[in-house]
Amino acid sequence: MRLWHRLTRRPWIAPAGLLLLSLLHPVGLRVNFDSSSQPRGLYWLTAGTPRRDQLVLVRLPGQIARFGIQRGYLRHPELAKCVAALPGDTVEITAVGLRVNGQLLPGTVPRFRDSKRRWIGRYPRGPHDTLPGWLWLDSDHIPHSWDSRYFGPIPQANVLGRLYPLLTWPPFHHNLDGESTCRWNPTNF
């Protein structure tokens, strides 16, 4: 309640904050308040070669992006997801989930229908070798997340960069090096 009173006494704060966010967007600041695919909050976009279990921002290929926007899965062709598999990895789509090099990724059971009961389609079952220049994306915490389980691998050239969480809720897990991973637990809400 105190925050609300401060904002109503100083009506310039909200527009100034929005202006600052829009000025920092070209240099890498990203805001997520509308996607349940990743935690809401502030992220920093940086260049670099993607690695497994890193959060990346990708621009989906045209046909995939159009389908996602038409269905309401996306608002725009950019998507933040975890890198599940890299070139040289073997990915297998099974009824129990996505396997990368034989290891089952939790929370990746493919669904037949979306939340509106429409047929969603899936990438063909079975093992797939990830070719040079391609990668697989996933989201392990939202069962209905639209990712490579449904549209397959995407060109590595479509990766816009790595996303570092600055301030998110819930927070991301960290590995032993203190680096954030793209795995988080949505039950922390």
C-alpha atoms as a PDB file:
ATOM      1  CA  MET A   1       0.000   0.000   0.000  1.00  0.00           C
ATOM      2  CA  ARG A   2       2.884   2.372   0.727  1.00  0.00           C
ATOM      3  CA  LEU A   3       4.228   1.874  -2.793  1.00  0.00           C
ATOM      4  CA  TRP A   4       0.836   2.753  -4.258  1.00  0.00           C
ATOM      5  CA  HIS A   5       0.714   5.980  -2.227  1.00  0.00           C
ATOM      6  CA  ARG A   6       4.210   6.922  -3.359  1.00  0.00           C
ATOM      7  CA  LEU A   7       3.315   6.323  -6.996  1.00  0.00           C
ATOM      8  CA  THR A   8       0.104   8.337  -6.777  1.00  0.00           C
ATOM      9  CA  ARG A   9       1.936  11.264  -5.132  1.00  0.00           C
ATOM     10  CA  ARG A  10       4.665  11.181  -7.767  1.00  0.00           C
ATOM     11  CA  PRO A  11       2.890  10.386 -11.036  1.00  0.00           C
ATOM     12  CA  TRP A  12       6.093  10.907 -13.068  1.00  0.00           C
ATOM     13  CA  ILE A  13       7.759   7.757 -11.627  1.00  0.00           C
ATOM     14  CA  ALA A  14       5.951   5.183 -13.807  1.00  0.00           C
ATOM     15  CA  PRO A  15       6.456   7.044 -17.131  1.00  0.00           C
ATOM     16  CA  ALA A  16      10.109   7.724 -16.238  1.00  0.00           C
ATOM     17  CA  GLY A  17      10.638   4.017 -15.501  1.00  0.00           C
ATOM     18  CA  LEU A  18       9.058   3.026 -18.815  1.00  0.00           C
ATOM     19  CA  LEU A  19      11.209   5.557 -20.655  1.00  0.00           C
ATOM     20  CA  LEU A  20      14.346   4.189 -18.991  1.00  0.00           C
ATOM     21  CA  LEU A  21      13.406   0.610 -19.912  1.00  0.00           C
ATOM     22  CA  SER A  22      12.779   1.592 -23.539  1.00  0.00           C
ATOM     23  CA  LEU A  23      16.122   3.423 -23.729  1.00  0.00           C
ATOM     24  CA  LEU A  24      17.998   0.383 -22.383  1.00  0.00           C
ATOM     25  CA  HIS A  25      16.284  -2.108 -24.733  1.00  0.00           C
ATOM     26  CA  PRO A  26      18.701  -1.483 -27.666  1.00  0.00           C
ATOM     27  CA  VAL A  27      21.695  -2.286 -25.463  1.00  0.00           C
ATOM     28  CA  GLY A  28      20.280  -5.557 -24.112  1.00  0.00           C
ATOM     29  CA  LEU A  29      17.681  -4.997 -21.395  1.00  0.00           C
ATOM     30  CA  ARG A  30      14.634  -7.230 -21.779  1.00  0.00           C
ATOM     31  CA  VAL A  31      11.478  -7.337 -19.668  1.00  0.00           C
ATOM     32  CA  ASN A  32       9.193 -10.352 -19.311  1.00  0.00           C
ATOM     33  CA  PHE A  33       5.810  -9.695 -17.754  1.00  0.00           C
ATOM     34  CA  ASP A  34       3.517 -11.582 -20.119  1.00  0.00           C
ATOM     35  CA  SER A  35       5.059 -15.011 -20.731  1.00  0.00           C
ATOM     36  CA  SER A  36       4.696 -17.900 -18.308  1.00  0.00           C
ATOM     37  CA  SER A  37       7.424 -19.749 -20.174  1.00  0.00           C
ATOM     38  CA  GLN A  38      10.132 -18.040 -18.102  1.00  0.00           C
ATOM     39  CA  PRO A  39      10.010 -16.167 -14.791  1.00  0.00           C
ATOM     40  CA  ARG A  40       8.729 -12.620 -14.938  1.00  0.00           C
ATOM     41  CA  GLY A  41      11.316  -9.895 -14.498  1.00  0.00           C
ATOM     42  CA  LEU A  42      14.338  -8.175 -16.024  1.00  0.00           C
ATOM     43  CA  TYR A  43      16.956  -9.871 -18.222  1.00  0.00           C
ATOM     44  CA  TRP A  44      20.143  -8.789 -19.949  1.00  0.00           C
ATOM     45  CA  LEU A  45      20.764 -10.012 -23.506  1.00  0.00           C
ATOM     46  CA  THR A  46      24.412 -10.756 -24.375  1.00  0.00           C
ATOM     47  CA  ALA A  47      26.185 -12.233 -27.370  1.00  0.00           C
ATOM     48  CA  GLY A  48      27.885 -15.603 -27.264  1.00  0.00           C
ATOM     49  CA  THR A  49      27.719 -19.188 -28.371  1.00  0.00           C
ATOM     50  CA  PRO A  50      24.809 -21.012 -26.715  1.00  0.00           C
ATOM     51  CA  ARG A  51      25.535 -23.851 -24.312  1.00  0.00           C
ATOM     52  CA  ARG A  52      23.278 -26.550 -22.934  1.00  0.00           C
ATOM     53  CA  ASP A  53      20.968 -25.418 -20.102  1.00  0.00           C
ATOM     54  CA  GLN A  54      21.435 -21.740 -20.929  1.00  0.00           C
ATOM     55  CA  LEU A  55      18.519 -19.411 -21.417  1.00  0.00           C
ATOM     56  CA  VAL A  56      18.543 -17.907 -24.903  1.00  0.00           C
ATOM     57  CA  LEU A  57      16.430 -15.516 -26.902  1.00  0.00           C
ATOM     58  CA  VAL A  58      15.651 -16.806 -30.388  1.00  0.00           C
ATOM     59  CA  ARG A  59      13.785 -15.492 -33.390  1.00  0.00           C
ATOM     60  CA  LEU A  60      11.706 -18.397 -34.616  1.00  0.00           C
ATOM     61  CA  PRO A  61      11.774 -19.227 -38.336  1.00  0.00           C
ATOM     62  CA  GLY A  62       8.934 -17.642 -40.334  1.00  0.00           C
ATOM     63  CA  GLN A  63       6.501 -20.537 -40.686  1.00  0.00           C
ATOM     64  CA  ILE A  64       6.894 -21.627 -37.057  1.00  0.00           C
ATOM     65  CA  ALA A  65       6.509 -18.045 -35.796  1.00  0.00           C
ATOM     66  CA  ARG A  66       3.387 -17.453 -37.921  1.00  0.00           C
ATOM     67  CA  PHE A  67       1.784 -20.656 -36.619  1.00  0.00           C
ATOM     68  CA  GLY A  68       2.599 -19.711 -33.004  1.00  0.00           C
ATOM     69  CA  ILE A  69       1.204 -16.197 -33.399  1.00  0.00           C
ATOM     70  CA  GLN A  70      -1.965 -17.416 -35.174  1.00  0.00           C
ATOM     71  CA  ARG A  71      -2.610 -19.935 -32.399  1.00  0.00           C
ATOM     72  CA  GLY A  72      -1.934 -17.388 -29.662  1.00  0.00           C
ATOM     73  CA  TYR A  73       1.134 -19.214 -28.312  1.00  0.00           C
ATOM     74  CA  LEU A  74       3.281 -16.147 -29.061  1.00  0.00           C
ATOM     75  CA  ARG A  75       2.795 -12.400 -29.309  1.00  0.00           C
ATOM     76  CA  HIS A  76       5.876 -11.893 -31.494  1.00  0.00           C
ATOM     77  CA  PRO A  77       8.453 -14.170 -33.181  1.00  0.00           C
ATOM     78  CA  GLU A  78      11.016 -13.872 -30.362  1.00  0.00           C
ATOM     79  CA  LEU A  79      11.011 -16.602 -27.756  1.00  0.00           C
ATOM     80  CA  ALA A  80      13.021 -17.230 -24.562  1.00  0.00           C
ATOM     81  CA  LYS A  81      13.786 -20.921 -23.960  1.00  0.00           C
ATOM     82  CA  CYS A  82      16.443 -23.206 -22.533  1.00  0.00           C
ATOM     83  CA  VAL A  83      18.943 -24.907 -24.819  1.00  0.00           C
ATOM     84  CA  ALA A  84      18.187 -28.626 -24.477  1.00  0.00           C
ATOM     85  CA  ALA A  85      20.511 -30.060 -27.126  1.00  0.00           C
ATOM     86  CA  LEU A  86      23.423 -28.911 -29.252  1.00  0.00           C
ATOM     87  CA  PRO A  87      25.000 -30.199 -32.474  1.00  0.00           C
ATOM     88  CA  GLY A  88      26.177 -33.783 -31.997  1.00  0.00           C
ATOM     89  CA  ASP A  89      23.539 -34.607 -29.356  1.00  0.00           C
ATOM     90  CA  THR A  90      20.918 -37.288 -29.931  1.00  0.00           C
ATOM     91  CA  VAL A  91      17.394 -36.216 -29.079  1.00  0.00           C
ATOM     92  CA  GLU A  92      14.564 -38.686 -28.735  1.00  0.00           C
ATOM     93  CA  ILE A  93      10.932 -37.690 -28.451  1.00  0.00           C
ATOM     94  CA  THR A  94       9.010 -40.295 -26.463  1.00  0.00           C
ATOM     95  CA  ALA A  95       5.618 -40.527 -24.778  1.00  0.00           C
ATOM     96  CA  VAL A  96       7.278 -39.814 -21.408  1.00  0.00           C
ATOM     97  CA  GLY A  97       9.292 -36.811 -22.540  1.00  0.00           C
ATOM     98  CA  LEU A  98      12.325 -35.507 -24.342  1.00  0.00           C
ATOM     99  CA  ARG A  99      15.546 -37.495 -23.968  1.00  0.00           C
ATOM    100  CA  VAL A 100      18.904 -35.914 -24.729  1.00  0.00           C
ATOM    101  CA  ASN A 101      21.748 -38.416 -25.091  1.00  0.00           C
ATOM    102  CA  GLY A 102      19.584 -40.957 -23.252  1.00  0.00           C
ATOM    103  CA  GLN A 103      18.775 -38.697 -20.286  1.00  0.00           C
ATOM    104  CA  LEU A 104      15.104 -37.844 -19.767  1.00  0.00           C
ATOM    105  CA  LEU A 105      14.479 -34.121 -19.282  1.00  0.00           C
ATOM    106  CA  PRO A 106      11.899 -33.602 -16.506  1.00  0.00           C
ATOM    107  CA  GLY A 107       8.646 -31.877 -17.331  1.00  0.00           C
ATOM    108  CA  THR A 108       8.857 -32.480 -21.087  1.00  0.00           C
ATOM    109  CA  VAL A 109       5.979 -34.905 -21.714  1.00  0.00           C
ATOM    110  CA  PRO A 110       4.570 -33.925 -25.125  1.00  0.00           C
ATOM    111  CA  ARG A 111       0.856 -33.169 -25.301  1.00  0.00           C
ATOM    112  CA  PHE A 112      -1.532 -33.904 -28.132  1.00  0.00           C
ATOM    113  CA  ARG A 113      -3.763 -30.869 -27.640  1.00  0.00           C
ATOM    114  CA  ASP A 114      -3.225 -27.306 -26.511  1.00  0.00           C
ATOM    115  CA  SER A 115      -5.107 -25.551 -23.700  1.00  0.00           C
ATOM    116  CA  LYS A 116      -8.005 -24.818 -26.080  1.00  0.00           C
ATOM    117  CA  ARG A 117      -8.280 -28.527 -26.999  1.00  0.00           C
ATOM    118  CA  ARG A 118      -6.879 -27.933 -30.534  1.00  0.00           C
ATOM    119  CA  TRP A 119      -4.595 -30.543 -32.068  1.00  0.00           C
ATOM    120  CA  ILE A 120      -1.085 -29.247 -31.504  1.00  0.00           C
ATOM    121  CA  GLY A 121       0.943 -31.716 -33.531  1.00  0.00           C
ATOM    122  CA  ARG A 122       4.362 -32.972 -32.487  1.00  0.00           C
ATOM    123  CA  TYR A 123       7.727 -33.379 -34.036  1.00  0.00           C
ATOM    124  CA  PRO A 124       8.072 -37.032 -35.135  1.00  0.00           C
ATOM    125  CA  ARG A 125       8.847 -39.500 -32.365  1.00  0.00           C
ATOM    126  CA  GLY A 126      12.094 -41.368 -32.314  1.00  0.00           C
ATOM    127  CA  PRO A 127      15.758 -40.497 -32.157  1.00  0.00           C
ATOM    128  CA  HIS A 128      17.070 -37.456 -34.021  1.00  0.00           C
ATOM    129  CA  ASP A 129      20.728 -36.521 -34.386  1.00  0.00           C
ATOM    130  CA  THR A 130      21.223 -32.788 -33.912  1.00  0.00           C
ATOM    131  CA  LEU A 131      23.033 -31.564 -36.999  1.00  0.00           C
ATOM    132  CA  PRO A 132      25.745 -28.888 -37.048  1.00  0.00           C
ATOM    133  CA  GLY A 133      24.177 -25.433 -36.917  1.00  0.00           C
ATOM    134  CA  TRP A 134      20.982 -26.564 -35.162  1.00  0.00           C
ATOM    135  CA  LEU A 135      19.745 -26.778 -31.558  1.00  0.00           C
ATOM    136  CA  TRP A 136      16.741 -27.949 -29.553  1.00  0.00           C
ATOM    137  CA  LEU A 137      14.844 -25.761 -27.092  1.00  0.00           C
ATOM    138  CA  ASP A 138      12.739 -26.723 -24.099  1.00  0.00           C
ATOM    139  CA  SER A 139      10.982 -25.447 -21.024  1.00  0.00           C
ATOM    140  CA  ASP A 140      10.871 -27.953 -18.198  1.00  0.00           C
ATOM    141  CA  HIS A 141       8.408 -26.330 -15.827  1.00  0.00           C
ATOM    142  CA  ILE A 142       5.371 -25.421 -17.913  1.00  0.00           C
ATOM    143  CA  PRO A 143       3.752 -28.623 -19.229  1.00  0.00           C
ATOM    144  CA  HIS A 144       2.047 -26.782 -22.091  1.00  0.00           C
ATOM    145  CA  SER A 145       5.125 -24.807 -23.146  1.00  0.00           C
ATOM    146  CA  TRP A 146       5.480 -24.568 -26.917  1.00  0.00           C
ATOM    147  CA  ASP A 147       9.029 -25.656 -27.720  1.00  0.00           C
ATOM    148  CA  SER A 148      11.072 -28.083 -29.847  1.00  0.00           C
ATOM    149  CA  ARG A 149       8.872 -31.007 -28.780  1.00  0.00           C
ATOM    150  CA  TYR A 150       6.375 -29.553 -31.252  1.00  0.00           C
ATOM    151  CA  PHE A 151       8.351 -27.649 -33.894  1.00  0.00           C
ATOM    152  CA  GLY A 152      11.699 -29.497 -33.807  1.00  0.00           C
ATOM    153  CA  PRO A 153      15.212 -28.076 -33.874  1.00  0.00           C
ATOM    154  CA  ILE A 154      15.872 -24.491 -34.939  1.00  0.00           C
ATOM    155  CA  PRO A 155      18.849 -22.970 -36.746  1.00  0.00           C
ATOM    156  CA  GLN A 156      21.570 -21.802 -34.362  1.00  0.00           C
ATOM    157  CA  ALA A 157      21.792 -18.636 -36.475  1.00  0.00           C
ATOM    158  CA  ASN A 158      18.350 -17.662 -35.099  1.00  0.00           C
ATOM    159  CA  VAL A 159      19.747 -17.277 -31.578  1.00  0.00           C
ATOM    160  CA  LEU A 160      19.783 -13.566 -30.758  1.00  0.00           C
ATOM    161  CA  GLY A 161      21.848 -14.099 -27.610  1.00  0.00           C
ATOM    162  CA  ARG A 162      21.978 -15.416 -24.091  1.00  0.00           C
ATOM    163  CA  LEU A 163      19.591 -14.029 -21.496  1.00  0.00           C
ATOM    164  CA  TYR A 164      20.970 -13.385 -18.010  1.00  0.00           C
ATOM    165  CA  PRO A 165      18.327 -12.954 -15.313  1.00  0.00           C
ATOM    166  CA  LEU A 166      18.845  -9.696 -13.433  1.00  0.00           C
ATOM    167  CA  LEU A 167      15.763  -9.596 -11.242  1.00  0.00           C
ATOM    168  CA  THR A 168      13.184 -12.354 -11.616  1.00  0.00           C
ATOM    169  CA  TRP A 169      10.458 -13.950  -9.583  1.00  0.00           C
ATOM    170  CA  PRO A 170      10.793 -16.755  -8.863  1.00  0.00           C
ATOM    171  CA  PRO A 171      14.585 -16.677  -9.061  1.00  0.00           C
ATOM    172  CA  PHE A 172      16.637 -19.052 -11.192  1.00  0.00           C
ATOM    173  CA  HIS A 173      18.762 -21.875  -9.793  1.00  0.00           C
ATOM    174  CA  HIS A 174      22.560 -21.452  -9.869  1.00  0.00           C
ATOM    175  CA  ASN A 175      25.188 -24.043 -10.732  1.00  0.00           C
ATOM    176  CA  LEU A 176      28.367 -24.680  -8.729  1.00  0.00           C
ATOM    177  CA  ASP A 177      30.137 -21.785 -10.512  1.00  0.00           C
ATOM    178  CA  GLY A 178      27.424 -19.387  -9.352  1.00  0.00           C
ATOM    179  CA  GLU A 179      26.134 -18.996 -12.899  1.00  0.00           C
ATOM    180  CA  SER A 180      22.361 -19.042 -13.313  1.00  0.00           C
ATOM    181  CA  THR A 181      20.887 -21.958 -15.196  1.00  0.00           C
ATOM    182  CA  CYS A 182      17.609 -21.873 -17.035  1.00  0.00           C
ATOM    183  CA  ARG A 183      16.051 -24.337 -14.613  1.00  0.00           C
ATOM    184  CA  TRP A 184      13.702 -22.860 -12.047  1.00  0.00           C
ATOM    185  CA  ASN A 185      10.909 -24.042  -9.864  1.00  0.00           C
ATOM    186  CA  PRO A 186       7.500 -22.444 -10.492  1.00  0.00           C
ATOM    187  CA  THR A 187       6.195 -23.737  -7.147  1.00  0.00           C
ATOM    188  CA  ASN A 188       8.139 -20.860  -5.516  1.00  0.00           C
ATOM    189  CA  PHE A 189       5.335 -18.416  -6.418  1.00  0.00           C
END
